[in-house]
Amino acid sequence: MAFITSVVPLNDWRLFVEMETGSVIVVDMSRKLDTARYSDLRNPELFRSVTTDGDVVSWGSGRVTVTARELMDVVFIDRRREK
């Protein structure tokens, strides 16, 4: 069973992610672009190439990958920093 059913790139380095449960989230990846792991995503064409196999979100045919769990960490860690 796939955890992520779809992922769509949005403006400003955000992702619209739909979960198997029917829940949706918008993940702001812009804060990660200055890290070594995600710096390639600054390229808008690469960012728009996002796909998922249900467990992993990837860009550029696997050039950059993130697991569903890591994606959730981006959401929750960033939210804690805002408070």
Protein backbone atom coordinates (compact mmCIF):
# COMPACT_ATOMS: atom_id res chain seq x y z
CA MET A 1 0.00 0.00 0.00
CA ALA A 2 1.37 3.41 -1.00
CA PHE A 3 1.50 6.09 1.68
CA ILE A 4 1.65 8.99 -0.79
CA THR A 5 -0.82 8.83 -3.67
CA SER A 6 0.23 11.98 -5.52
CA VAL A 7 2.62 14.90 -5.38
CA VAL A 8 2.29 18.10 -7.39
CA PRO A 9 4.86 20.92 -7.55
CA LEU A 10 3.51 24.36 -6.67
CA ASN A 11 5.03 27.83 -6.92
CA ASP A 12 7.70 28.97 -4.45
CA TRP A 13 9.20 25.51 -3.96
CA ARG A 14 6.12 24.03 -2.31
CA LEU A 15 4.65 20.57 -2.86
CA PHE A 16 1.01 19.56 -2.71
CA VAL A 17 1.01 16.02 -1.31
CA GLU A 18 -2.01 13.73 -1.12
CA MET A 19 -1.86 10.80 1.27
CA GLU A 20 -3.45 7.37 1.01
CA THR A 21 -5.71 8.37 3.91
CA GLY A 22 -7.18 11.22 1.86
CA SER A 23 -5.30 13.87 3.86
CA VAL A 24 -3.41 16.54 1.97
CA ILE A 25 -0.51 18.73 3.01
CA VAL A 26 1.49 21.50 1.43
CA VAL A 27 5.20 21.11 2.12
CA ASP A 28 7.41 24.19 1.86
CA MET A 29 10.77 22.97 0.60
CA SER A 30 12.24 26.48 0.24
CA ARG A 31 13.99 26.33 3.62
CA LYS A 32 15.84 23.20 2.55
CA LEU A 33 17.31 24.64 -0.66
CA ASP A 34 20.44 25.91 1.11
CA THR A 35 21.36 22.41 2.30
CA ALA A 36 23.71 20.14 0.39
CA ARG A 37 21.09 17.43 0.07
CA TYR A 38 18.40 19.62 -1.54
CA SER A 39 20.41 22.40 -3.24
CA ASP A 40 19.85 20.90 -6.71
CA LEU A 41 16.13 21.62 -6.28
CA ARG A 42 16.83 25.34 -6.76
CA ASN A 43 16.61 24.50 -10.45
CA PRO A 44 12.91 25.11 -11.24
CA GLU A 45 12.85 22.52 -14.02
CA LEU A 46 14.24 19.85 -11.72
CA PHE A 47 11.81 20.82 -8.94
CA ARG A 48 8.86 20.45 -11.33
CA SER A 49 10.01 16.91 -12.23
CA VAL A 50 8.79 15.58 -8.86
CA THR A 51 7.25 12.10 -8.76
CA THR A 52 6.40 9.49 -6.15
CA ASP A 53 6.26 5.72 -5.97
CA GLY A 54 4.11 5.98 -2.84
CA ASP A 55 6.94 5.66 -0.35
CA VAL A 56 9.57 7.99 -1.80
CA VAL A 57 9.31 11.41 -3.42
CA SER A 58 11.98 11.94 -6.05
CA TRP A 59 13.18 14.50 -8.54
CA GLY A 60 15.15 14.00 -11.72
CA SER A 61 14.70 10.22 -11.91
CA GLY A 62 16.13 9.73 -8.42
CA ARG A 63 18.74 12.49 -8.46
CA VAL A 64 17.17 13.83 -5.24
CA THR A 65 14.99 11.62 -3.05
CA VAL A 66 13.13 11.92 0.22
CA THR A 67 11.07 9.29 2.04
CA ALA A 68 7.51 9.96 3.16
CA ARG A 69 8.73 10.02 6.76
CA GLU A 70 11.46 12.56 5.96
CA LEU A 71 8.90 14.69 4.14
CA MET A 72 6.72 14.72 7.26
CA ASP A 73 9.76 15.75 9.30
CA VAL A 74 10.17 18.78 7.01
CA VAL A 75 6.60 19.78 7.82
CA PHE A 76 6.77 19.25 11.58
CA ILE A 77 10.29 20.54 12.20
CA ASP A 78 9.60 23.73 10.22
CA ARG A 79 6.36 24.30 12.14
CA ARG A 80 8.17 24.05 15.47
CA ARG A 81 10.69 26.67 14.34
CA GLU A 82 7.88 29.11 13.49
CA LYS A 83 6.56 29.09 17.06
